[in-house]
């Protein structure tokens, strides 16, 4: 276990950005592992190394969570989500219009398979049963539709 101390310390130092904090965290991880079940001879060396790294990383996460300050609700309301920006909303609407146009231009069977699978959330088998075709044919229709949609969005 001691042989991994320097390696874990280096890793945690890069994570937290402070050597003193990293030393405290690694020491805490080392203590936890020694007081726990790691001293059992059934653990091989690779397992001990992984457990040491994981324990130290989890301690860093615990410290971060404890020190995390939650933003004032009033302040968080002042920042609008990016989907409220006019340019982003317009771009999304244009992409959606392209997709609807593309879906409308698909062959009838391909469009039907695509709509049943994507919008009605049916499985391949359910689509095949409803359309009275094989599952492999459903796969081909969906592949054709997805390729057409991708190409429409690339343009």
N, C-alpha and C. Protein backbone atom coordinates (compact mmCIF):
# COMPACT_ATOMS: atom_id res chain seq x y z
N UNK A 1 0.82 -1.19 0.00
CA UNK A 1 0.00 0.00 0.00
C UNK A 1 0.87 1.26 0.00
N UNK A 2 1.97 1.21 0.72
CA UNK A 2 2.84 2.38 0.80
C UNK A 2 3.45 2.73 -0.54
N UNK A 3 3.65 1.72 -1.38
CA UNK A 3 4.29 1.97 -2.67
C UNK A 3 3.43 2.82 -3.59
N UNK A 4 2.13 2.87 -3.36
CA UNK A 4 1.24 3.65 -4.21
C UNK A 4 1.01 5.06 -3.69
N UNK A 5 1.51 5.34 -2.50
CA UNK A 5 1.24 6.63 -1.85
C UNK A 5 1.67 7.80 -2.74
N UNK A 6 2.89 7.76 -3.25
CA UNK A 6 3.40 8.87 -4.06
C UNK A 6 2.60 9.02 -5.36
N UNK A 7 2.23 7.90 -5.94
CA UNK A 7 1.47 7.93 -7.19
C UNK A 7 0.09 8.54 -6.97
N UNK A 8 -0.57 8.13 -5.91
CA UNK A 8 -1.90 8.66 -5.60
C UNK A 8 -1.79 10.14 -5.22
N UNK A 9 -0.76 10.48 -4.47
CA UNK A 9 -0.55 11.88 -4.07
C UNK A 9 -0.37 12.77 -5.30
N UNK A 10 0.39 12.30 -6.26
CA UNK A 10 0.60 13.07 -7.49
C UNK A 10 -0.71 13.26 -8.24
N UNK A 11 -1.49 12.20 -8.33
CA UNK A 11 -2.78 12.25 -9.02
C UNK A 11 -3.74 13.23 -8.34
N UNK A 12 -3.84 13.13 -7.03
CA UNK A 12 -4.77 13.99 -6.28
C UNK A 12 -4.28 15.44 -6.29
N UNK A 13 -2.97 15.65 -6.27
CA UNK A 13 -2.42 17.01 -6.33
C UNK A 13 -2.85 17.70 -7.62
N UNK A 14 -2.81 16.97 -8.72
CA UNK A 14 -3.25 17.55 -9.98
C UNK A 14 -4.76 17.84 -9.95
N UNK A 15 -5.51 17.00 -9.26
CA UNK A 15 -6.96 17.18 -9.20
C UNK A 15 -7.36 18.39 -8.39
N UNK A 16 -6.74 18.58 -7.21
CA UNK A 16 -7.16 19.65 -6.31
C UNK A 16 -6.33 20.92 -6.48
N UNK A 17 -5.16 20.80 -7.08
CA UNK A 17 -4.34 21.98 -7.34
C UNK A 17 -3.56 22.48 -6.14
N UNK A 18 -3.52 21.74 -5.05
CA UNK A 18 -2.80 22.16 -3.85
C UNK A 18 -2.16 20.92 -3.21
N UNK A 19 -0.86 20.96 -3.07
CA UNK A 19 -0.15 19.80 -2.54
C UNK A 19 -0.55 19.50 -1.09
N UNK A 20 -0.73 20.54 -0.26
CA UNK A 20 -1.10 20.33 1.14
C UNK A 20 -2.47 19.67 1.27
N UNK A 21 -3.44 20.15 0.49
CA UNK A 21 -4.77 19.53 0.51
C UNK A 21 -4.68 18.09 0.04
N UNK A 22 -3.89 17.87 -1.00
CA UNK A 22 -3.74 16.53 -1.55
C UNK A 22 -3.13 15.59 -0.50
N UNK A 23 -2.14 16.06 0.24
CA UNK A 23 -1.53 15.23 1.28
C UNK A 23 -2.56 14.83 2.34
N UNK A 24 -3.40 15.79 2.73
CA UNK A 24 -4.44 15.48 3.72
C UNK A 24 -5.44 14.46 3.17
N UNK A 25 -5.82 14.62 1.93
CA UNK A 25 -6.80 13.71 1.32
C UNK A 25 -6.22 12.31 1.18
N UNK A 26 -4.99 12.22 0.72
CA UNK A 26 -4.36 10.91 0.53
C UNK A 26 -4.15 10.24 1.89
N UNK A 27 -3.77 11.03 2.89
CA UNK A 27 -3.60 10.47 4.23
C UNK A 27 -4.93 9.93 4.76
N UNK A 28 -6.00 10.67 4.52
CA UNK A 28 -7.32 10.21 4.95
C UNK A 28 -7.70 8.91 4.24
N UNK A 29 -7.45 8.84 2.94
CA UNK A 29 -7.74 7.63 2.18
C UNK A 29 -6.93 6.46 2.70
N UNK A 30 -5.67 6.70 2.96
CA UNK A 30 -4.77 5.67 3.47
C UNK A 30 -5.26 5.14 4.81
N UNK A 31 -5.67 6.06 5.66
CA UNK A 31 -6.18 5.68 6.98
C UNK A 31 -7.48 4.88 6.86
N UNK A 32 -8.36 5.32 6.00
CA UNK A 32 -9.62 4.60 5.81
C UNK A 32 -9.37 3.17 5.33
N UNK A 33 -8.45 3.05 4.39
CA UNK A 33 -8.19 1.72 3.84
C UNK A 33 -7.52 0.81 4.86
N UNK A 34 -6.60 1.35 5.65
CA UNK A 34 -5.92 0.52 6.64
C UNK A 34 -6.86 0.12 7.78
N UNK A 35 -7.78 1.01 8.12
CA UNK A 35 -8.71 0.68 9.20
C UNK A 35 -9.84 -0.23 8.71
N UNK A 36 -10.00 -0.30 7.40
CA UNK A 36 -11.07 -1.11 6.82
C UNK A 36 -10.61 -2.50 6.48
N UNK A 37 -11.07 -2.97 5.36
CA UNK A 37 -10.86 -4.35 4.96
C UNK A 37 -9.70 -4.55 4.00
N UNK A 38 -8.93 -3.53 3.68
CA UNK A 38 -7.88 -3.66 2.69
C UNK A 38 -6.72 -4.52 3.18
N UNK A 39 -6.57 -4.63 4.47
CA UNK A 39 -5.44 -5.38 5.00
C UNK A 39 -5.62 -6.89 4.82
N UNK A 40 -6.77 -7.32 4.37
CA UNK A 40 -6.99 -8.74 4.13
C UNK A 40 -6.04 -9.24 3.05
N UNK A 41 -5.47 -10.39 3.22
CA UNK A 41 -4.54 -10.89 2.22
C UNK A 41 -5.22 -11.30 0.91
N UNK A 42 -6.55 -11.37 0.88
CA UNK A 42 -7.23 -11.81 -0.33
C UNK A 42 -7.16 -10.77 -1.45
N UNK A 43 -6.85 -9.51 -1.14
CA UNK A 43 -6.75 -8.47 -2.15
C UNK A 43 -5.38 -8.51 -2.81
N UNK A 44 -5.36 -8.59 -4.13
CA UNK A 44 -4.08 -8.57 -4.81
C UNK A 44 -3.59 -7.13 -4.93
N UNK A 45 -2.38 -6.95 -5.43
CA UNK A 45 -1.77 -5.61 -5.47
C UNK A 45 -2.52 -4.67 -6.40
N UNK A 46 -2.96 -5.14 -7.54
CA UNK A 46 -3.70 -4.27 -8.46
C UNK A 46 -5.01 -3.79 -7.84
N UNK A 47 -5.65 -4.67 -7.11
CA UNK A 47 -6.90 -4.31 -6.45
C UNK A 47 -6.64 -3.24 -5.38
N UNK A 48 -5.56 -3.40 -4.63
CA UNK A 48 -5.22 -2.42 -3.59
C UNK A 48 -4.95 -1.06 -4.21
N UNK A 49 -4.21 -1.05 -5.31
CA UNK A 49 -3.88 0.21 -5.99
C UNK A 49 -5.17 0.89 -6.46
N UNK A 50 -6.04 0.13 -7.11
CA UNK A 50 -7.29 0.69 -7.62
C UNK A 50 -8.17 1.20 -6.48
N UNK A 51 -8.22 0.45 -5.39
CA UNK A 51 -9.02 0.85 -4.25
C UNK A 51 -8.48 2.12 -3.61
N UNK A 52 -7.16 2.24 -3.57
CA UNK A 52 -6.52 3.44 -3.01
C UNK A 52 -6.87 4.66 -3.87
N UNK A 53 -6.74 4.54 -5.18
CA UNK A 53 -7.08 5.64 -6.09
C UNK A 53 -8.55 6.01 -5.96
N UNK A 54 -9.42 5.01 -5.96
CA UNK A 54 -10.85 5.26 -5.90
C UNK A 54 -11.25 5.92 -4.59
N UNK A 55 -10.69 5.45 -3.50
CA UNK A 55 -11.02 6.03 -2.20
C UNK A 55 -10.58 7.49 -2.15
N UNK A 56 -9.37 7.78 -2.62
CA UNK A 56 -8.88 9.16 -2.61
C UNK A 56 -9.74 10.05 -3.51
N UNK A 57 -10.09 9.55 -4.67
CA UNK A 57 -10.93 10.32 -5.60
C UNK A 57 -12.30 10.60 -4.98
N UNK A 58 -12.87 9.61 -4.29
CA UNK A 58 -14.17 9.80 -3.65
C UNK A 58 -14.11 10.82 -2.52
N UNK A 59 -13.00 10.85 -1.82
CA UNK A 59 -12.83 11.86 -0.76
C UNK A 59 -12.78 13.25 -1.37
N UNK A 60 -12.11 13.40 -2.51
CA UNK A 60 -12.08 14.69 -3.20
C UNK A 60 -13.49 15.11 -3.57
N UNK A 61 -14.26 14.17 -4.09
CA UNK A 61 -15.64 14.47 -4.48
C UNK A 61 -16.47 14.86 -3.26
N UNK A 62 -16.29 14.14 -2.16
CA UNK A 62 -17.01 14.47 -0.92
C UNK A 62 -16.67 15.87 -0.44
N UNK A 63 -15.38 16.21 -0.46
CA UNK A 63 -14.96 17.56 -0.03
C UNK A 63 -15.56 18.62 -0.95
N UNK A 64 -15.56 18.36 -2.23
CA UNK A 64 -16.12 19.31 -3.18
C UNK A 64 -17.61 19.53 -2.91
N UNK A 65 -18.31 18.44 -2.69
CA UNK A 65 -19.76 18.55 -2.44
C UNK A 65 -20.05 19.31 -1.16
N UNK A 66 -19.25 19.04 -0.13
CA UNK A 66 -19.46 19.74 1.13
C UNK A 66 -19.20 21.22 1.02
N UNK A 67 -18.21 21.59 0.22
CA UNK A 67 -17.82 22.99 0.09
C UNK A 67 -18.58 23.72 -1.01
N UNK A 68 -19.40 22.99 -1.76
CA UNK A 68 -20.15 23.59 -2.85
C UNK A 68 -21.18 24.55 -2.27
N UNK A 69 -21.16 25.78 -2.77
CA UNK A 69 -22.15 26.76 -2.34
C UNK A 69 -23.21 26.85 -3.41
N UNK A 70 -24.45 26.73 -2.98
CA UNK A 70 -25.54 26.78 -3.94
C UNK A 70 -25.86 28.24 -4.24
N UNK A 71 -26.10 28.50 -5.51
CA UNK A 71 -26.38 29.86 -5.94
C UNK A 71 -27.71 30.34 -5.37
N UNK A 72 -27.78 31.62 -5.16
CA UNK A 72 -29.00 32.25 -4.70
C UNK A 72 -30.06 32.06 -5.79
N UNK A 73 -31.26 31.58 -5.45
CA UNK A 73 -32.28 31.35 -6.48
C UNK A 73 -32.59 32.58 -7.32
N UNK A 74 -32.51 33.75 -6.72
CA UNK A 74 -32.80 34.98 -7.46
C UNK A 74 -31.73 35.19 -8.53
N UNK A 75 -30.45 34.94 -8.17
CA UNK A 75 -29.37 35.11 -9.13
C UNK A 75 -29.50 34.12 -10.28
N UNK A 76 -29.88 32.90 -9.98
CA UNK A 76 -29.97 31.89 -11.04
C UNK A 76 -31.10 32.20 -12.01
N UNK A 77 -32.12 32.92 -11.56
CA UNK A 77 -33.21 33.29 -12.45
C UNK A 77 -32.82 34.40 -13.41
N UNK A 78 -31.76 35.12 -13.09
CA UNK A 78 -31.34 36.22 -13.94
C UNK A 78 -30.65 35.73 -15.21
N UNK A 79 -30.17 34.51 -15.21
CA UNK A 79 -29.49 33.96 -16.36
C UNK A 79 -30.47 33.11 -17.15
N UNK A 80 -30.72 33.50 -18.38
CA UNK A 80 -31.68 32.77 -19.23
C UNK A 80 -31.01 31.55 -19.82
N UNK A 81 -31.72 30.46 -19.90
CA UNK A 81 -31.16 29.28 -20.56
C UNK A 81 -30.86 29.59 -22.02
N UNK A 82 -29.89 28.85 -22.58
CA UNK A 82 -29.46 29.15 -23.94
C UNK A 82 -30.57 28.93 -24.96
N UNK A 83 -31.56 28.08 -24.64
CA UNK A 83 -32.61 27.86 -25.63
C UNK A 83 -33.59 29.04 -25.71
N UNK A 84 -33.42 30.06 -24.87
CA UNK A 84 -34.24 31.26 -24.96
C UNK A 84 -33.59 32.32 -25.84
N UNK A 85 -32.35 32.06 -26.26
CA UNK A 85 -31.68 33.01 -27.13
C UNK A 85 -32.32 32.93 -28.50
N UNK A 86 -32.64 34.06 -29.10
CA UNK A 86 -33.35 34.05 -30.38
C UNK A 86 -32.63 33.28 -31.49
N UNK A 87 -31.30 33.43 -31.57
CA UNK A 87 -30.55 32.76 -32.63
C UNK A 87 -30.62 31.24 -32.46
N UNK A 88 -30.46 30.77 -31.23
CA UNK A 88 -30.50 29.33 -30.97
C UNK A 88 -31.90 28.78 -31.24
N UNK A 89 -32.91 29.52 -30.85
CA UNK A 89 -34.28 29.07 -31.08
C UNK A 89 -34.59 29.01 -32.57
N UNK A 90 -34.12 30.01 -33.32
CA UNK A 90 -34.34 30.03 -34.76
C UNK A 90 -33.61 28.87 -35.43
N UNK A 91 -32.38 28.62 -35.03
CA UNK A 91 -31.61 27.51 -35.61
C UNK A 91 -32.29 26.17 -35.33
N UNK A 92 -32.79 26.01 -34.12
CA UNK A 92 -33.49 24.77 -33.78
C UNK A 92 -34.76 24.61 -34.61
N UNK A 93 -35.47 25.69 -34.79
CA UNK A 93 -36.71 25.63 -35.57
C UNK A 93 -36.40 25.31 -37.03
N UNK A 94 -35.31 25.88 -37.56
CA UNK A 94 -34.94 25.60 -38.94
C UNK A 94 -34.55 24.12 -39.12
N UNK A 95 -33.82 23.58 -38.16
CA UNK A 95 -33.45 22.17 -38.23
C UNK A 95 -34.70 21.29 -38.16
N UNK A 96 -35.61 21.64 -37.29
CA UNK A 96 -36.86 20.88 -37.17
C UNK A 96 -37.65 20.93 -38.48
N UNK A 97 -37.72 22.10 -39.09
CA UNK A 97 -38.41 22.24 -40.37
C UNK A 97 -37.75 21.37 -41.45
N UNK A 98 -36.42 21.34 -41.45
CA UNK A 98 -35.70 20.50 -42.41
C UNK A 98 -36.04 19.02 -42.21
N UNK A 99 -36.09 18.60 -40.95
CA UNK A 99 -36.41 17.21 -40.66
C UNK A 99 -37.83 16.86 -41.09
N UNK A 100 -38.79 17.73 -40.81
CA UNK A 100 -40.17 17.48 -41.22
C UNK A 100 -40.27 17.39 -42.75
N UNK A 101 -39.58 18.27 -43.44
CA UNK A 101 -39.58 18.25 -44.90
C UNK A 101 -38.98 16.95 -45.41
N UNK A 102 -37.86 16.57 -44.80
CA UNK A 102 -37.17 15.33 -45.20
C UNK A 102 -38.07 14.12 -44.96
N UNK A 103 -38.70 14.06 -43.80
CA UNK A 103 -39.59 12.93 -43.49
C UNK A 103 -40.77 12.90 -44.45
N UNK A 104 -41.28 14.07 -44.81
CA UNK A 104 -42.40 14.15 -45.74
C UNK A 104 -42.04 13.66 -47.13
N UNK A 105 -40.77 13.73 -47.51
CA UNK A 105 -40.34 13.32 -48.85
C UNK A 105 -39.91 11.86 -48.92
N UNK A 106 -39.92 11.17 -47.79
CA UNK A 106 -39.53 9.76 -47.78
C UNK A 106 -40.58 8.91 -48.49
N UNK A 107 -40.17 7.77 -49.05
CA UNK A 107 -41.17 6.84 -49.61
C UNK A 107 -42.16 6.42 -48.52
N UNK A 108 -43.36 6.09 -48.92
CA UNK A 108 -44.45 5.84 -47.97
C UNK A 108 -44.11 4.80 -46.91
N UNK A 109 -43.60 3.64 -47.31
CA UNK A 109 -43.28 2.57 -46.35
C UNK A 109 -42.16 3.01 -45.41
N UNK A 110 -41.16 3.69 -45.95
CA UNK A 110 -40.04 4.16 -45.12
C UNK A 110 -40.53 5.18 -44.10
N UNK A 111 -41.38 6.10 -44.57
CA UNK A 111 -41.93 7.11 -43.67
C UNK A 111 -42.78 6.45 -42.58
N UNK A 112 -43.59 5.48 -42.96
CA UNK A 112 -44.45 4.80 -41.99
C UNK A 112 -43.61 4.08 -40.93
N UNK A 113 -42.58 3.37 -41.35
CA UNK A 113 -41.71 2.66 -40.41
C UNK A 113 -41.01 3.65 -39.47
N UNK A 114 -40.53 4.75 -40.04
CA UNK A 114 -39.82 5.76 -39.25
C UNK A 114 -40.74 6.39 -38.21
N UNK A 115 -41.95 6.75 -38.62
CA UNK A 115 -42.90 7.38 -37.71
C UNK A 115 -43.30 6.41 -36.59
N UNK A 116 -43.57 5.18 -36.95
CA UNK A 116 -43.95 4.19 -35.94
C UNK A 116 -42.83 3.96 -34.93
N UNK A 117 -41.61 3.90 -35.42
CA UNK A 117 -40.48 3.62 -34.54
C UNK A 117 -40.08 4.84 -33.70
N UNK A 118 -39.93 5.99 -34.36
CA UNK A 118 -39.42 7.17 -33.66
C UNK A 118 -40.49 7.94 -32.89
N UNK A 119 -41.66 8.06 -33.43
CA UNK A 119 -42.68 8.90 -32.80
C UNK A 119 -43.70 8.11 -31.98
N UNK A 120 -43.95 6.87 -32.37
CA UNK A 120 -44.88 6.03 -31.62
C UNK A 120 -44.16 5.11 -30.65
N UNK A 121 -42.82 5.12 -30.70
CA UNK A 121 -41.97 4.32 -29.80
C UNK A 121 -42.26 2.82 -29.85
N UNK A 122 -42.52 2.32 -31.04
CA UNK A 122 -42.73 0.89 -31.20
C UNK A 122 -41.39 0.20 -31.43
N UNK A 123 -41.28 -1.04 -31.04
CA UNK A 123 -40.06 -1.81 -31.28
C UNK A 123 -40.01 -2.23 -32.75
N UNK A 124 -38.85 -2.73 -33.17
CA UNK A 124 -38.73 -3.22 -34.55
C UNK A 124 -39.79 -4.29 -34.82
N UNK A 125 -39.95 -5.20 -33.88
CA UNK A 125 -40.90 -6.29 -34.07
C UNK A 125 -42.33 -5.76 -34.17
N UNK A 126 -42.68 -4.79 -33.34
CA UNK A 126 -44.02 -4.23 -33.38
C UNK A 126 -44.28 -3.49 -34.70
N UNK A 127 -43.24 -2.77 -35.18
CA UNK A 127 -43.37 -2.08 -36.47
C UNK A 127 -43.57 -3.12 -37.58
N UNK A 128 -42.76 -4.19 -37.53
CA UNK A 128 -42.86 -5.24 -38.54
C UNK A 128 -44.25 -5.88 -38.53
N UNK A 129 -44.76 -6.15 -37.34
CA UNK A 129 -46.08 -6.76 -37.24
C UNK A 129 -47.16 -5.82 -37.78
N UNK A 130 -47.07 -4.56 -37.45
CA UNK A 130 -48.10 -3.61 -37.87
C UNK A 130 -48.06 -3.37 -39.38
N UNK A 131 -46.85 -3.36 -39.95
CA UNK A 131 -46.71 -3.11 -41.38
C UNK A 131 -46.76 -4.40 -42.21
N UNK A 132 -46.77 -5.53 -41.51
CA UNK A 132 -46.79 -6.84 -42.16
C UNK A 132 -45.56 -7.03 -43.06
N UNK A 133 -44.38 -6.71 -42.48
CA UNK A 133 -43.11 -6.92 -43.17
C UNK A 133 -42.14 -7.57 -42.18
N UNK A 134 -40.97 -7.95 -42.63
CA UNK A 134 -39.98 -8.59 -41.76
C UNK A 134 -39.23 -7.53 -40.94
N UNK A 135 -38.61 -7.99 -39.88
CA UNK A 135 -37.82 -7.10 -39.02
C UNK A 135 -36.64 -6.54 -39.81
N UNK A 136 -36.02 -7.35 -40.64
CA UNK A 136 -34.88 -6.86 -41.43
C UNK A 136 -35.32 -5.77 -42.41
N UNK A 137 -36.54 -5.87 -42.92
CA UNK A 137 -37.06 -4.82 -43.80
C UNK A 137 -37.29 -3.53 -43.01
N UNK A 138 -37.76 -3.66 -41.77
CA UNK A 138 -37.92 -2.49 -40.90
C UNK A 138 -36.57 -1.83 -40.70
N UNK A 139 -35.55 -2.63 -40.44
CA UNK A 139 -34.20 -2.10 -40.25
C UNK A 139 -33.73 -1.34 -41.49
N UNK A 140 -34.00 -1.87 -42.65
CA UNK A 140 -33.60 -1.20 -43.90
C UNK A 140 -34.34 0.11 -44.08
N UNK A 141 -35.65 0.10 -43.81
CA UNK A 141 -36.43 1.34 -43.92
C UNK A 141 -35.90 2.40 -42.95
N UNK A 142 -35.62 1.99 -41.72
CA UNK A 142 -35.13 2.95 -40.73
C UNK A 142 -33.75 3.47 -41.08
N UNK A 143 -32.90 2.61 -41.60
CA UNK A 143 -31.56 3.05 -42.01
C UNK A 143 -31.67 4.07 -43.14
N UNK A 144 -32.55 3.82 -44.08
CA UNK A 144 -32.76 4.76 -45.19
C UNK A 144 -33.26 6.11 -44.66
N UNK A 145 -34.22 6.06 -43.75
CA UNK A 145 -34.79 7.29 -43.19
C UNK A 145 -33.75 8.07 -42.39
N UNK A 146 -32.99 7.38 -41.58
CA UNK A 146 -31.98 8.06 -40.76
C UNK A 146 -30.89 8.68 -41.64
N UNK A 147 -30.49 7.99 -42.67
CA UNK A 147 -29.50 8.53 -43.59
C UNK A 147 -30.02 9.76 -44.30
N UNK A 148 -31.28 9.72 -44.72
CA UNK A 148 -31.89 10.88 -45.38
C UNK A 148 -31.96 12.07 -44.42
N UNK A 149 -32.32 11.83 -43.17
CA UNK A 149 -32.38 12.91 -42.17
C UNK A 149 -30.99 13.50 -41.92
N UNK A 150 -30.01 12.63 -41.79
CA UNK A 150 -28.65 13.10 -41.56
C UNK A 150 -28.15 13.95 -42.73
N UNK A 151 -28.41 13.49 -43.93
CA UNK A 151 -27.99 14.24 -45.11
C UNK A 151 -28.71 15.58 -45.21
N UNK A 152 -29.98 15.61 -44.83
CA UNK A 152 -30.74 16.86 -44.85
C UNK A 152 -30.17 17.86 -43.88
N UNK A 153 -29.74 17.40 -42.71
CA UNK A 153 -29.18 18.30 -41.70
C UNK A 153 -27.77 18.78 -42.06
N UNK A 154 -27.05 17.98 -42.86
CA UNK A 154 -25.70 18.39 -43.27
C UNK A 154 -25.73 19.54 -44.25
N UNK A 155 -26.80 19.64 -45.04
CA UNK A 155 -26.88 20.66 -46.08
C UNK A 155 -27.06 22.03 -45.53
